Each structure stands twice: as C-alpha cells, then as structure tokens.
N, C-alpha and C. Protein backbone atom coordinates (compact mmCIF):
# COMPACT_ATOMS: atom_id res chain seq x y z
N MET A 1 -6.43 -8.22 9.79
CA MET A 1 -5.81 -6.92 9.66
C MET A 1 -6.90 -5.86 9.73
N ASN A 2 -6.67 -4.85 10.53
CA ASN A 2 -7.59 -3.73 10.65
C ASN A 2 -6.87 -2.44 10.31
N ALA A 3 -7.44 -1.68 9.36
CA ALA A 3 -6.85 -0.40 8.99
C ALA A 3 -7.18 0.64 10.04
N ILE A 4 -6.17 1.39 10.47
CA ILE A 4 -6.34 2.46 11.45
C ILE A 4 -6.53 3.78 10.72
N SER A 5 -5.67 4.02 9.73
CA SER A 5 -5.74 5.27 8.97
C SER A 5 -5.09 5.07 7.61
N SER A 6 -5.42 5.97 6.70
CA SER A 6 -4.76 5.97 5.40
C SER A 6 -4.64 7.42 4.94
N LYS A 7 -3.54 7.69 4.27
CA LYS A 7 -3.30 9.05 3.77
C LYS A 7 -2.23 8.99 2.69
N ARG A 8 -2.03 10.12 2.07
CA ARG A 8 -1.00 10.28 1.04
C ARG A 8 0.15 11.05 1.66
N VAL A 9 1.37 10.56 1.47
CA VAL A 9 2.54 11.20 2.07
C VAL A 9 3.66 11.32 1.05
N LYS A 10 4.55 12.27 1.30
CA LYS A 10 5.78 12.37 0.54
C LYS A 10 6.82 11.62 1.39
N ILE A 11 7.32 10.49 0.87
CA ILE A 11 8.20 9.65 1.68
C ILE A 11 9.54 10.33 1.92
N ARG A 12 10.13 10.03 3.09
CA ARG A 12 11.43 10.60 3.47
C ARG A 12 12.55 9.56 3.41
N LYS A 13 12.17 8.29 3.23
CA LYS A 13 13.17 7.24 3.03
C LYS A 13 12.57 6.24 2.04
N ALA A 14 13.39 5.36 1.51
CA ALA A 14 12.93 4.41 0.50
C ALA A 14 11.92 3.43 1.11
N HIS A 15 10.89 3.11 0.33
CA HIS A 15 9.87 2.15 0.73
C HIS A 15 9.52 1.26 -0.45
N ASN A 16 9.17 0.03 -0.15
CA ASN A 16 8.65 -0.88 -1.17
C ASN A 16 7.14 -0.72 -1.23
N CYS A 17 6.60 -0.74 -2.43
CA CYS A 17 5.15 -0.76 -2.60
C CYS A 17 4.65 -2.14 -2.19
N TRP A 18 3.61 -2.20 -1.40
CA TRP A 18 3.06 -3.47 -0.94
C TRP A 18 2.47 -4.27 -2.11
N GLY A 19 1.93 -3.57 -3.10
CA GLY A 19 1.27 -4.25 -4.20
C GLY A 19 2.21 -4.84 -5.23
N CYS A 20 3.25 -4.07 -5.62
CA CYS A 20 4.13 -4.52 -6.71
C CYS A 20 5.57 -4.79 -6.26
N THR A 21 5.92 -4.49 -5.04
CA THR A 21 7.24 -4.69 -4.42
C THR A 21 8.32 -3.76 -4.97
N GLU A 22 7.99 -2.85 -5.87
CA GLU A 22 8.99 -1.93 -6.41
C GLU A 22 9.46 -0.97 -5.32
N ILE A 23 10.73 -0.62 -5.36
CA ILE A 23 11.29 0.31 -4.39
C ILE A 23 11.12 1.74 -4.90
N PHE A 24 10.62 2.61 -4.03
CA PHE A 24 10.44 4.02 -4.36
C PHE A 24 11.32 4.84 -3.43
N THR A 25 11.94 5.88 -3.98
CA THR A 25 12.86 6.72 -3.20
C THR A 25 12.27 8.12 -3.02
N PRO A 26 12.74 8.82 -2.00
CA PRO A 26 12.25 10.18 -1.75
C PRO A 26 12.59 11.09 -2.92
N PRO A 27 11.81 12.07 -3.16
CA PRO A 27 10.62 12.54 -2.46
C PRO A 27 9.32 12.07 -3.11
N THR A 28 9.21 10.84 -3.48
CA THR A 28 8.02 10.29 -4.12
C THR A 28 6.81 10.37 -3.18
N GLU A 29 5.64 10.63 -3.76
CA GLU A 29 4.41 10.57 -2.98
C GLU A 29 3.81 9.18 -3.11
N MET A 30 3.38 8.63 -1.98
CA MET A 30 2.77 7.30 -1.94
C MET A 30 1.60 7.32 -0.97
N GLY A 31 0.73 6.36 -1.12
CA GLY A 31 -0.33 6.16 -0.14
C GLY A 31 0.22 5.29 0.98
N VAL A 32 -0.15 5.58 2.22
CA VAL A 32 0.28 4.76 3.35
C VAL A 32 -0.95 4.39 4.16
N VAL A 33 -1.03 3.12 4.53
CA VAL A 33 -2.12 2.62 5.37
C VAL A 33 -1.50 2.08 6.64
N ASN A 34 -1.94 2.59 7.78
CA ASN A 34 -1.49 2.10 9.08
C ASN A 34 -2.49 1.05 9.55
N CYS A 35 -1.96 -0.12 9.94
CA CYS A 35 -2.80 -1.27 10.26
C CYS A 35 -2.41 -1.90 11.58
N THR A 36 -3.32 -2.71 12.10
CA THR A 36 -3.02 -3.55 13.25
C THR A 36 -3.34 -4.99 12.87
N ASP A 37 -2.55 -5.90 13.40
CA ASP A 37 -2.80 -7.33 13.16
C ASP A 37 -2.11 -8.11 14.28
N ASN A 38 -2.85 -8.92 14.98
CA ASN A 38 -2.32 -9.74 16.07
C ASN A 38 -1.54 -8.90 17.08
N GLY A 39 -2.06 -7.73 17.42
CA GLY A 39 -1.44 -6.89 18.43
C GLY A 39 -0.26 -6.07 17.95
N LYS A 40 0.08 -6.11 16.66
CA LYS A 40 1.19 -5.33 16.13
C LYS A 40 0.66 -4.23 15.22
N ILE A 41 1.35 -3.10 15.24
CA ILE A 41 1.00 -1.98 14.37
C ILE A 41 2.07 -1.86 13.29
N TYR A 42 1.64 -1.70 12.06
CA TYR A 42 2.59 -1.55 10.96
C TYR A 42 1.98 -0.69 9.86
N SER A 43 2.81 -0.28 8.92
CA SER A 43 2.39 0.56 7.79
C SER A 43 2.71 -0.13 6.49
N VAL A 44 1.81 0.00 5.52
CA VAL A 44 2.08 -0.50 4.17
C VAL A 44 1.95 0.68 3.21
N TYR A 45 2.82 0.71 2.23
CA TYR A 45 2.87 1.80 1.26
C TYR A 45 2.40 1.29 -0.10
N TRP A 46 1.66 2.15 -0.82
CA TRP A 46 1.12 1.82 -2.13
C TRP A 46 1.57 2.87 -3.15
N CYS A 47 2.08 2.41 -4.30
CA CYS A 47 2.45 3.34 -5.38
C CYS A 47 1.18 3.76 -6.12
N ASP A 48 1.29 4.75 -6.98
CA ASP A 48 0.14 5.25 -7.72
C ASP A 48 -0.48 4.19 -8.62
N SER A 49 0.36 3.38 -9.28
CA SER A 49 -0.16 2.34 -10.18
C SER A 49 -0.99 1.31 -9.43
N CYS A 50 -0.48 0.86 -8.32
CA CYS A 50 -1.22 -0.13 -7.52
C CYS A 50 -2.47 0.50 -6.90
N GLN A 51 -2.38 1.76 -6.49
CA GLN A 51 -3.55 2.42 -5.92
C GLN A 51 -4.66 2.54 -6.95
N ARG A 52 -4.31 2.81 -8.21
CA ARG A 52 -5.32 2.88 -9.28
C ARG A 52 -6.01 1.53 -9.46
N ILE A 53 -5.24 0.44 -9.38
CA ILE A 53 -5.84 -0.89 -9.49
C ILE A 53 -6.83 -1.11 -8.35
N LEU A 54 -6.45 -0.73 -7.14
CA LEU A 54 -7.34 -0.89 -6.00
C LEU A 54 -8.58 -0.02 -6.15
N ASP A 55 -8.40 1.21 -6.64
CA ASP A 55 -9.54 2.11 -6.81
C ASP A 55 -10.52 1.61 -7.86
N ASP A 56 -10.01 0.93 -8.89
CA ASP A 56 -10.85 0.43 -9.97
C ASP A 56 -11.47 -0.93 -9.68
N ASP A 57 -11.03 -1.60 -8.61
CA ASP A 57 -11.52 -2.94 -8.28
C ASP A 57 -12.71 -2.83 -7.32
N PRO A 58 -13.92 -3.15 -7.81
CA PRO A 58 -15.09 -3.02 -6.93
C PRO A 58 -15.07 -3.99 -5.75
N PHE A 59 -14.25 -5.02 -5.83
CA PHE A 59 -14.19 -6.01 -4.76
C PHE A 59 -13.03 -5.76 -3.79
N ALA A 60 -12.26 -4.68 -4.01
CA ALA A 60 -11.08 -4.42 -3.19
C ALA A 60 -11.43 -4.01 -1.76
N ALA A 61 -12.57 -3.37 -1.58
CA ALA A 61 -12.95 -2.92 -0.24
C ALA A 61 -13.05 -4.11 0.70
N GLY A 62 -12.27 -4.07 1.74
CA GLY A 62 -12.31 -5.15 2.72
C GLY A 62 -11.39 -6.31 2.40
N ASP A 63 -10.84 -6.35 1.19
CA ASP A 63 -9.93 -7.44 0.83
C ASP A 63 -8.55 -7.18 1.42
N GLU A 64 -7.86 -8.25 1.71
CA GLU A 64 -6.48 -8.15 2.14
C GLU A 64 -5.60 -8.66 1.02
N TYR A 65 -4.58 -7.91 0.68
CA TYR A 65 -3.67 -8.30 -0.38
C TYR A 65 -2.34 -8.74 0.21
N GLU A 66 -1.82 -9.83 -0.31
CA GLU A 66 -0.51 -10.30 0.11
C GLU A 66 0.56 -9.41 -0.54
N TYR A 67 1.74 -9.40 0.07
CA TYR A 67 2.85 -8.60 -0.46
C TYR A 67 3.17 -9.06 -1.89
N GLY A 68 3.15 -8.12 -2.84
CA GLY A 68 3.48 -8.41 -4.23
C GLY A 68 2.35 -8.97 -5.06
N GLU A 69 1.16 -9.08 -4.52
CA GLU A 69 0.04 -9.71 -5.21
C GLU A 69 -0.40 -8.94 -6.45
N LEU A 70 -0.23 -7.63 -6.48
CA LEU A 70 -0.65 -6.84 -7.63
C LEU A 70 0.40 -6.79 -8.73
N LEU A 71 1.55 -7.36 -8.51
CA LEU A 71 2.65 -7.31 -9.46
C LEU A 71 2.22 -7.80 -10.84
N ARG A 72 1.46 -8.84 -10.89
CA ARG A 72 1.04 -9.40 -12.18
C ARG A 72 -0.06 -8.59 -12.86
N ASN A 73 -0.67 -7.63 -12.16
CA ASN A 73 -1.76 -6.84 -12.72
C ASN A 73 -1.33 -5.48 -13.27
N ILE A 74 -0.06 -5.13 -13.10
CA ILE A 74 0.40 -3.81 -13.55
C ILE A 74 0.84 -3.86 -14.99
C-alpha cells in the first residue's frame, strides 16, 4: 500500500473508521488517506481517537493497519 495523500475533511456521507470500524455520520471531521495497492486507488478514513493512537505510536510510520486493528486499543 502506498499513500498518495492525507488530509482532514468534513465528511458528506457516512464512513467507517478504518481503525475502530465505528460508523461516523456527517458533518463529522475525519482524517482521510488516499492510497494505491495492486493498481487500485482507495480511501481510508480515521476518527480522532484512532488518529491520536497513530500519532502517539512511534512505530506507526510506515506500518499498515488491518481494518479494525485499533479497536482493542481505544
């Protein structure tokens, strides 16, 4: 997986957080990372709680997280 871009957005439709799988509804602000993997482009959304975990984890840079992997850390 290669990250193309990341930014903070106010969502316009419901999205699941990639880290905890919780559903967030508009107009919530979330982090979004646009990625490529095996020739496909996709976006993953992160809630504030999961983003804080990633920011505090010195080993998070370059790591790939599976869907729902941060659920047990919140």
